[in-house]
Amino acid sequence: MNNKKKCMSNKQLSIHLKLIKIEANKIKEKFEIIDMNKNDLEFGEWVNDLGYLKFSTEECLNEIKIIKRYINYIAENL
């Protein structure tokens, strides 16, 4: 087992937390756009399109995976 102590500086931690916030905001923006346009019929037509939903879901999942990697890196290095 490797007992080598890993240490993350406050600056590194701050950078990783900002990166997490950026990725989280990308996901948040998608839901805000949907909420803003929920009464727009044209918007409703394309937002309910299965191709769009699949693309949007895959995008969100990729962003969640990125966030998870950042969190794991922080946990391993604190």
PDB file of N, CA and C in Angstrom:
ATOM      1  N   MET A   1       0.839  -1.179   0.000  1.00  0.00           N
ATOM      2  CA  MET A   1       0.000   0.000   0.000  1.00  0.00           C
ATOM      3  C   MET A   1       0.885   1.243   0.000  1.00  0.00           C
ATOM      4  N   ASN A   2       0.508   2.202  -0.748  1.00  0.00           N
ATOM      5  CA  ASN A   2       1.276   3.431  -0.856  1.00  0.00           C
ATOM      6  C   ASN A   2       0.827   4.409   0.222  1.00  0.00           C
ATOM      7  N   ASN A   3       1.717   4.691   1.182  1.00  0.00           N
ATOM      8  CA  ASN A   3       1.386   5.610   2.269  1.00  0.00           C
ATOM      9  C   ASN A   3       1.909   7.012   2.012  1.00  0.00           C
ATOM     10  N   LYS A   4       2.306   7.271   0.796  1.00  0.00           N
ATOM     11  CA  LYS A   4       2.820   8.583   0.432  1.00  0.00           C
ATOM     12  C   LYS A   4       1.707   9.614   0.622  1.00  0.00           C
ATOM     13  N   LYS A   5       2.004  10.634   1.411  1.00  0.00           N
ATOM     14  CA  LYS A   5       0.993  11.641   1.711  1.00  0.00           C
ATOM     15  C   LYS A   5       0.826  12.584   0.525  1.00  0.00           C
ATOM     16  N   LYS A   6      -0.393  12.699   0.069  1.00  0.00           N
ATOM     17  CA  LYS A   6      -0.697  13.623  -1.008  1.00  0.00           C
ATOM     18  C   LYS A   6      -1.257  14.888  -0.384  1.00  0.00           C
ATOM     19  N   CYS A   7      -0.906  15.989  -0.960  1.00  0.00           N
ATOM     20  CA  CYS A   7      -1.373  17.243  -0.402  1.00  0.00           C
ATOM     21  C   CYS A   7      -1.755  18.191  -1.530  1.00  0.00           C
ATOM     22  N   MET A   8      -2.874  18.815  -1.369  1.00  0.00           N
ATOM     23  CA  MET A   8      -3.356  19.765  -2.356  1.00  0.00           C
ATOM     24  C   MET A   8      -3.306  21.151  -1.728  1.00  0.00           C
ATOM     25  N   SER A   9      -2.751  22.089  -2.449  1.00  0.00           N
ATOM     26  CA  SER A   9      -2.687  23.452  -1.926  1.00  0.00           C
ATOM     27  C   SER A   9      -4.073  24.090  -1.977  1.00  0.00           C
ATOM     28  N   ASN A  10      -4.239  25.145  -1.225  1.00  0.00           N
ATOM     29  CA  ASN A  10      -5.516  25.866  -1.243  1.00  0.00           C
ATOM     30  C   ASN A  10      -5.823  26.387  -2.640  1.00  0.00           C
ATOM     31  N   LYS A  11      -4.780  26.809  -3.359  1.00  0.00           N
ATOM     32  CA  LYS A  11      -4.975  27.319  -4.718  1.00  0.00           C
ATOM     33  C   LYS A  11      -5.476  26.210  -5.638  1.00  0.00           C
ATOM     34  N   GLN A  12      -4.873  25.012  -5.538  1.00  0.00           N
ATOM     35  CA  GLN A  12      -5.320  23.881  -6.351  1.00  0.00           C
ATOM     36  C   GLN A  12      -6.757  23.504  -6.010  1.00  0.00           C
ATOM     37  N   LEU A  13      -7.070  23.493  -4.728  1.00  0.00           N
ATOM     38  CA  LEU A  13      -8.428  23.174  -4.296  1.00  0.00           C
ATOM     39  C   LEU A  13      -9.409  24.195  -4.854  1.00  0.00           C
ATOM     40  N   SER A  14      -9.055  25.453  -4.772  1.00  0.00           N
ATOM     41  CA  SER A  14      -9.905  26.522  -5.281  1.00  0.00           C
ATOM     42  C   SER A  14     -10.152  26.365  -6.781  1.00  0.00           C
ATOM     43  N   ILE A  15      -9.107  26.032  -7.516  1.00  0.00           N
ATOM     44  CA  ILE A  15      -9.242  25.838  -8.969  1.00  0.00           C
ATOM     45  C   ILE A  15     -10.191  24.688  -9.269  1.00  0.00           C
ATOM     46  N   HIS A  16     -10.029  23.565  -8.569  1.00  0.00           N
ATOM     47  CA  HIS A  16     -10.892  22.406  -8.816  1.00  0.00           C
ATOM     48  C   HIS A  16     -12.343  22.695  -8.424  1.00  0.00           C
ATOM     49  N   LEU A  17     -12.544  23.429  -7.356  1.00  0.00           N
ATOM     50  CA  LEU A  17     -13.915  23.780  -6.964  1.00  0.00           C
ATOM     51  C   LEU A  17     -14.551  24.703  -8.002  1.00  0.00           C
ATOM     52  N   LYS A  18     -13.765  25.604  -8.576  1.00  0.00           N
ATOM     53  CA  LYS A  18     -14.287  26.476  -9.639  1.00  0.00           C
ATOM     54  C   LYS A  18     -14.638  25.666 -10.882  1.00  0.00           C
ATOM     55  N   LEU A  19     -13.820  24.668 -11.203  1.00  0.00           N
ATOM     56  CA  LEU A  19     -14.112  23.807 -12.350  1.00  0.00           C
ATOM     57  C   LEU A  19     -15.407  23.027 -12.132  1.00  0.00           C
ATOM     58  N   ILE A  20     -15.619  22.558 -10.909  1.00  0.00           N
ATOM     59  CA  ILE A  20     -16.871  21.865 -10.580  1.00  0.00           C
ATOM     60  C   ILE A  20     -18.047  22.816 -10.766  1.00  0.00           C
ATOM     61  N   LYS A  21     -17.899  24.046 -10.300  1.00  0.00           N
ATOM     62  CA  LYS A  21     -18.972  25.034 -10.425  1.00  0.00           C
ATOM     63  C   LYS A  21     -19.289  25.323 -11.895  1.00  0.00           C
ATOM     64  N   ILE A  22     -18.265  25.416 -12.730  1.00  0.00           N
ATOM     65  CA  ILE A  22     -18.474  25.661 -14.162  1.00  0.00           C
ATOM     66  C   ILE A  22     -19.291  24.532 -14.779  1.00  0.00           C
ATOM     67  N   GLU A  23     -18.921  23.284 -14.496  1.00  0.00           N
ATOM     68  CA  GLU A  23     -19.647  22.136 -15.049  1.00  0.00           C
ATOM     69  C   GLU A  23     -21.081  22.085 -14.517  1.00  0.00           C
ATOM     70  N   ALA A  24     -21.255  22.371 -13.232  1.00  0.00           N
ATOM     71  CA  ALA A  24     -22.597  22.363 -12.642  1.00  0.00           C
ATOM     72  C   ALA A  24     -23.465  23.451 -13.268  1.00  0.00           C
ATOM     73  N   ASN A  25     -22.876  24.599 -13.555  1.00  0.00           N
ATOM     74  CA  ASN A  25     -23.638  25.685 -14.178  1.00  0.00           C
ATOM     75  C   ASN A  25     -24.079  25.335 -15.591  1.00  0.00           C
ATOM     76  N   LYS A  26     -23.285  24.536 -16.309  1.00  0.00           N
ATOM     77  CA  LYS A  26     -23.686  24.099 -17.650  1.00  0.00           C
ATOM     78  C   LYS A  26     -24.982  23.291 -17.572  1.00  0.00           C
ATOM     79  N   ILE A  27     -25.056  22.416 -16.580  1.00  0.00           N
ATOM     80  CA  ILE A  27     -26.261  21.600 -16.395  1.00  0.00           C
ATOM     81  C   ILE A  27     -27.424  22.493 -15.972  1.00  0.00           C
ATOM     82  N   LYS A  28     -27.173  23.386 -15.034  1.00  0.00           N
ATOM     83  CA  LYS A  28     -28.209  24.290 -14.531  1.00  0.00           C
ATOM     84  C   LYS A  28     -28.791  25.136 -15.656  1.00  0.00           C
ATOM     85  N   GLU A  29     -27.942  25.630 -16.557  1.00  0.00           N
ATOM     86  CA  GLU A  29     -28.404  26.468 -17.664  1.00  0.00           C
ATOM     87  C   GLU A  29     -29.377  25.724 -18.560  1.00  0.00           C
ATOM     88  N   LYS A  30     -29.138  24.444 -18.795  1.00  0.00           N
ATOM     89  CA  LYS A  30     -30.055  23.660 -19.632  1.00  0.00           C
ATOM     90  C   LYS A  30     -31.461  23.658 -19.037  1.00  0.00           C
ATOM     91  N   PHE A  31     -31.550  23.477 -17.722  1.00  0.00           N
ATOM     92  CA  PHE A  31     -32.855  23.443 -17.077  1.00  0.00           C
ATOM     93  C   PHE A  31     -33.490  24.823 -17.017  1.00  0.00           C
ATOM     94  N   GLU A  32     -32.687  25.875 -16.884  1.00  0.00           N
ATOM     95  CA  GLU A  32     -33.224  27.232 -16.884  1.00  0.00           C
ATOM     96  C   GLU A  32     -33.802  27.577 -18.246  1.00  0.00           C
ATOM     97  N   ILE A  33     -33.140  27.157 -19.320  1.00  0.00           N
ATOM     98  CA  ILE A  33     -33.650  27.413 -20.671  1.00  0.00           C
ATOM     99  C   ILE A  33     -34.983  26.714 -20.856  1.00  0.00           C
ATOM    100  N   ILE A  34     -35.086  25.482 -20.410  1.00  0.00           N
ATOM    101  CA  ILE A  34     -36.346  24.744 -20.526  1.00  0.00           C
ATOM    102  C   ILE A  34     -37.437  25.448 -19.733  1.00  0.00           C
ATOM    103  N   ASP A  35     -37.131  25.892 -18.512  1.00  0.00           N
ATOM    104  CA  ASP A  35     -38.118  26.560 -17.670  1.00  0.00           C
ATOM    105  C   ASP A  35     -38.572  27.882 -18.287  1.00  0.00           C
ATOM    106  N   MET A  36     -37.640  28.657 -18.838  1.00  0.00           N
ATOM    107  CA  MET A  36     -37.978  29.953 -19.430  1.00  0.00           C
ATOM    108  C   MET A  36     -38.901  29.795 -20.622  1.00  0.00           C
ATOM    109  N   ASN A  37     -38.729  28.724 -21.374  1.00  0.00           N
ATOM    110  CA  ASN A  37     -39.451  28.552 -22.627  1.00  0.00           C
ATOM    111  C   ASN A  37     -40.569  27.517 -22.555  1.00  0.00           C
ATOM    112  N   LYS A  38     -40.967  27.134 -21.357  1.00  0.00           N
ATOM    113  CA  LYS A  38     -41.931  26.032 -21.258  1.00  0.00           C
ATOM    114  C   LYS A  38     -43.282  26.356 -21.892  1.00  0.00           C
ATOM    115  N   ASN A  39     -43.623  27.641 -22.056  1.00  0.00           N
ATOM    116  CA  ASN A  39     -44.898  28.008 -22.671  1.00  0.00           C
ATOM    117  C   ASN A  39     -44.778  28.262 -24.165  1.00  0.00           C
ATOM    118  N   ASP A  40     -43.583  28.199 -24.698  1.00  0.00           N
ATOM    119  CA  ASP A  40     -43.339  28.430 -26.118  1.00  0.00           C
ATOM    120  C   ASP A  40     -43.591  27.126 -26.875  1.00  0.00           C
ATOM    121  N   LEU A  41     -44.608  27.124 -27.754  1.00  0.00           N
ATOM    122  CA  LEU A  41     -44.973  25.891 -28.454  1.00  0.00           C
ATOM    123  C   LEU A  41     -43.851  25.376 -29.351  1.00  0.00           C
ATOM    124  N   GLU A  42     -43.188  26.282 -30.070  1.00  0.00           N
ATOM    125  CA  GLU A  42     -42.092  25.836 -30.930  1.00  0.00           C
ATOM    126  C   GLU A  42     -40.992  25.191 -30.096  1.00  0.00           C
ATOM    127  N   PHE A  43     -40.687  25.815 -28.977  1.00  0.00           N
ATOM    128  CA  PHE A  43     -39.670  25.255 -28.084  1.00  0.00           C
ATOM    129  C   PHE A  43     -40.121  23.883 -27.607  1.00  0.00           C
ATOM    130  N   GLY A  44     -41.405  23.787 -27.249  1.00  0.00           N
ATOM    131  CA  GLY A  44     -41.943  22.523 -26.770  1.00  0.00           C
ATOM    132  C   GLY A  44     -41.821  21.410 -27.786  1.00  0.00           C
ATOM    133  N   GLU A  45     -41.938  21.776 -29.060  1.00  0.00           N
ATOM    134  CA  GLU A  45     -41.832  20.762 -30.106  1.00  0.00           C
ATOM    135  C   GLU A  45     -40.426  20.176 -30.180  1.00  0.00           C
ATOM    136  N   TRP A  46     -39.399  21.027 -30.141  1.00  0.00           N
ATOM    137  CA  TRP A  46     -38.056  20.462 -30.278  1.00  0.00           C
ATOM    138  C   TRP A  46     -37.499  19.937 -28.970  1.00  0.00           C
ATOM    139  N   VAL A  47     -37.940  20.504 -27.842  1.00  0.00           N
ATOM    140  CA  VAL A  47     -37.424  20.005 -26.568  1.00  0.00           C
ATOM    141  C   VAL A  47     -37.991  18.616 -26.257  1.00  0.00           C
ATOM    142  N   ASN A  48     -39.150  18.295 -26.833  1.00  0.00           N
ATOM    143  CA  ASN A  48     -39.739  16.973 -26.621  1.00  0.00           C
ATOM    144  C   ASN A  48     -39.290  15.955 -27.664  1.00  0.00           C
ATOM    145  N   ASP A  49     -38.476  16.390 -28.608  1.00  0.00           N
ATOM    146  CA  ASP A  49     -37.940  15.507 -29.629  1.00  0.00           C
ATOM    147  C   ASP A  49     -36.977  14.508 -28.977  1.00  0.00           C
ATOM    148  N   LEU A  50     -37.179  13.220 -29.250  1.00  0.00           N
ATOM    149  CA  LEU A  50     -36.352  12.184 -28.613  1.00  0.00           C
ATOM    150  C   LEU A  50     -34.871  12.346 -28.933  1.00  0.00           C
ATOM    151  N   GLY A  51     -34.552  12.769 -30.147  1.00  0.00           N
ATOM    152  CA  GLY A  51     -33.151  12.989 -30.507  1.00  0.00           C
ATOM    153  C   GLY A  51     -32.526  14.074 -29.657  1.00  0.00           C
ATOM    154  N   TYR A  52     -33.269  15.160 -29.450  1.00  0.00           N
ATOM    155  CA  TYR A  52     -32.762  16.259 -28.616  1.00  0.00           C
ATOM    156  C   TYR A  52     -32.615  15.804 -27.171  1.00  0.00           C
ATOM    157  N   LEU A  53     -33.630  15.100 -26.668  1.00  0.00           N
ATOM    158  CA  LEU A  53     -33.582  14.652 -25.274  1.00  0.00           C
ATOM    159  C   LEU A  53     -32.412  13.708 -25.042  1.00  0.00           C
ATOM    160  N   LYS A  54     -32.167  12.806 -25.994  1.00  0.00           N
ATOM    161  CA  LYS A  54     -31.043  11.870 -25.866  1.00  0.00           C
ATOM    162  C   LYS A  54     -29.727  12.638 -25.854  1.00  0.00           C
ATOM    163  N   PHE A  55     -29.576  13.603 -26.770  1.00  0.00           N
ATOM    164  CA  PHE A  55     -28.366  14.414 -26.844  1.00  0.00           C
ATOM    165  C   PHE A  55     -28.179  15.203 -25.555  1.00  0.00           C
ATOM    166  N   SER A  56     -29.241  15.837 -25.086  1.00  0.00           N
ATOM    167  CA  SER A  56     -29.173  16.661 -23.880  1.00  0.00           C
ATOM    168  C   SER A  56     -28.834  15.805 -22.660  1.00  0.00           C
ATOM    169  N   THR A  57     -29.440  14.637 -22.560  1.00  0.00           N
ATOM    170  CA  THR A  57     -29.185  13.736 -21.438  1.00  0.00           C
ATOM    171  C   THR A  57     -27.734  13.256 -21.457  1.00  0.00           C
ATOM    172  N   GLU A  58     -27.245  12.889 -22.636  1.00  0.00           N
ATOM    173  CA  GLU A  58     -25.856  12.438 -22.745  1.00  0.00           C
ATOM    174  C   GLU A  58     -24.893  13.558 -22.380  1.00  0.00           C
ATOM    175  N   GLU A  59     -25.217  14.789 -22.796  1.00  0.00           N
ATOM    176  CA  GLU A  59     -24.386  15.942 -22.441  1.00  0.00           C
ATOM    177  C   GLU A  59     -24.331  16.118 -20.926  1.00  0.00           C
ATOM    178  N   CYS A  60     -25.498  16.046 -20.284  1.00  0.00           N
ATOM    179  CA  CYS A  60     -25.556  16.200 -18.826  1.00  0.00           C
ATOM    180  C   CYS A  60     -24.780  15.086 -18.131  1.00  0.00           C
ATOM    181  N   LEU A  61     -24.921  13.870 -18.609  1.00  0.00           N
ATOM    182  CA  LEU A  61     -24.197  12.748 -17.999  1.00  0.00           C
ATOM    183  C   LEU A  61     -22.689  12.927 -18.134  1.00  0.00           C
ATOM    184  N   ASN A  62     -22.245  13.427 -19.286  1.00  0.00           N
ATOM    185  CA  ASN A  62     -20.810  13.678 -19.461  1.00  0.00           C
ATOM    186  C   ASN A  62     -20.328  14.746 -18.495  1.00  0.00           C
ATOM    187  N   GLU A  63     -21.126  15.794 -18.294  1.00  0.00           N
ATOM    188  CA  GLU A  63     -20.747  16.847 -17.359  1.00  0.00           C
ATOM    189  C   GLU A  63     -20.732  16.327 -15.925  1.00  0.00           C
ATOM    190  N   ILE A  64     -21.663  15.451 -15.591  1.00  0.00           N
ATOM    191  CA  ILE A  64     -21.689  14.843 -14.253  1.00  0.00           C
ATOM    192  C   ILE A  64     -20.446  13.971 -14.048  1.00  0.00           C
ATOM    193  N   LYS A  65     -20.038  13.236 -15.085  1.00  0.00           N
ATOM    194  CA  LYS A  65     -18.827  12.413 -14.987  1.00  0.00           C
ATOM    195  C   LYS A  65     -17.595  13.282 -14.751  1.00  0.00           C
ATOM    196  N   ILE A  66     -17.543  14.430 -15.420  1.00  0.00           N
ATOM    197  CA  ILE A  66     -16.418  15.352 -15.229  1.00  0.00           C
ATOM    198  C   ILE A  66     -16.399  15.845 -13.786  1.00  0.00           C
ATOM    199  N   ILE A  67     -17.570  16.220 -13.267  1.00  0.00           N
ATOM    200  CA  ILE A  67     -17.671  16.680 -11.877  1.00  0.00           C
ATOM    201  C   ILE A  67     -17.200  15.577 -10.931  1.00  0.00           C
ATOM    202  N   LYS A  68     -17.628  14.350 -11.193  1.00  0.00           N
ATOM    203  CA  LYS A  68     -17.234  13.215 -10.347  1.00  0.00           C
ATOM    204  C   LYS A  68     -15.719  13.031 -10.346  1.00  0.00           C
ATOM    205  N   ARG A  69     -15.089  13.182 -11.516  1.00  0.00           N
ATOM    206  CA  ARG A  69     -13.624  13.058 -11.584  1.00  0.00           C
ATOM    207  C   ARG A  69     -12.946  14.133 -10.745  1.00  0.00           C
ATOM    208  N   TYR A  70     -13.450  15.368 -10.832  1.00  0.00           N
ATOM    209  CA  TYR A  70     -12.879  16.448 -10.020  1.00  0.00           C
ATOM    210  C   TYR A  70     -13.021  16.138  -8.529  1.00  0.00           C
ATOM    211  N   ILE A  71     -14.195  15.676  -8.132  1.00  0.00           N
ATOM    212  CA  ILE A  71     -14.440  15.365  -6.718  1.00  0.00           C
ATOM    213  C   ILE A  71     -13.520  14.232  -6.258  1.00  0.00           C
ATOM    214  N   ASN A  72     -13.391  13.188  -7.073  1.00  0.00           N
ATOM    215  CA  ASN A  72     -12.505  12.074  -6.719  1.00  0.00           C
ATOM    216  C   ASN A  72     -11.060  12.537  -6.589  1.00  0.00           C
ATOM    217  N   TYR A  73     -10.631  13.401  -7.495  1.00  0.00           N
ATOM    218  CA  TYR A  73      -9.260  13.915  -7.437  1.00  0.00           C
ATOM    219  C   TYR A  73      -9.036  14.700  -6.151  1.00  0.00           C
ATOM    220  N   ILE A  74     -10.010  15.543  -5.813  1.00  0.00           N
ATOM    221  CA  ILE A  74      -9.905  16.325  -4.572  1.00  0.00           C
ATOM    222  C   ILE A  74      -9.839  15.390  -3.368  1.00  0.00           C
ATOM    223  N   ALA A  75     -10.729  14.392  -3.329  1.00  0.00           N
ATOM    224  CA  ALA A  75     -10.775  13.462  -2.195  1.00  0.00           C
ATOM    225  C   ALA A  75      -9.458  12.697  -2.044  1.00  0.00           C
ATOM    226  N   GLU A  76      -8.849  12.329  -3.160  1.00  0.00           N
ATOM    227  CA  GLU A  76      -7.592  11.578  -3.108  1.00  0.00           C
ATOM    228  C   GLU A  76      -6.413  12.439  -2.681  1.00  0.00           C
ATOM    229  N   ASN A  77      -6.515  13.739  -2.878  1.00  0.00           N
ATOM    230  CA  ASN A  77      -5.360  14.607  -2.655  1.00  0.00           C
ATOM    231  C   ASN A  77      -5.502  15.564  -1.487  1.00  0.00           C
ATOM    232  N   LEU A  78      -6.539  15.441  -0.710  1.00  0.00           N
ATOM    233  CA  LEU A  78      -6.679  16.293   0.476  1.00  0.00           C
ATOM    234  C   LEU A  78      -5.999  15.661   1.667  1.00  0.00           C
TER     235      LEU A  78
END
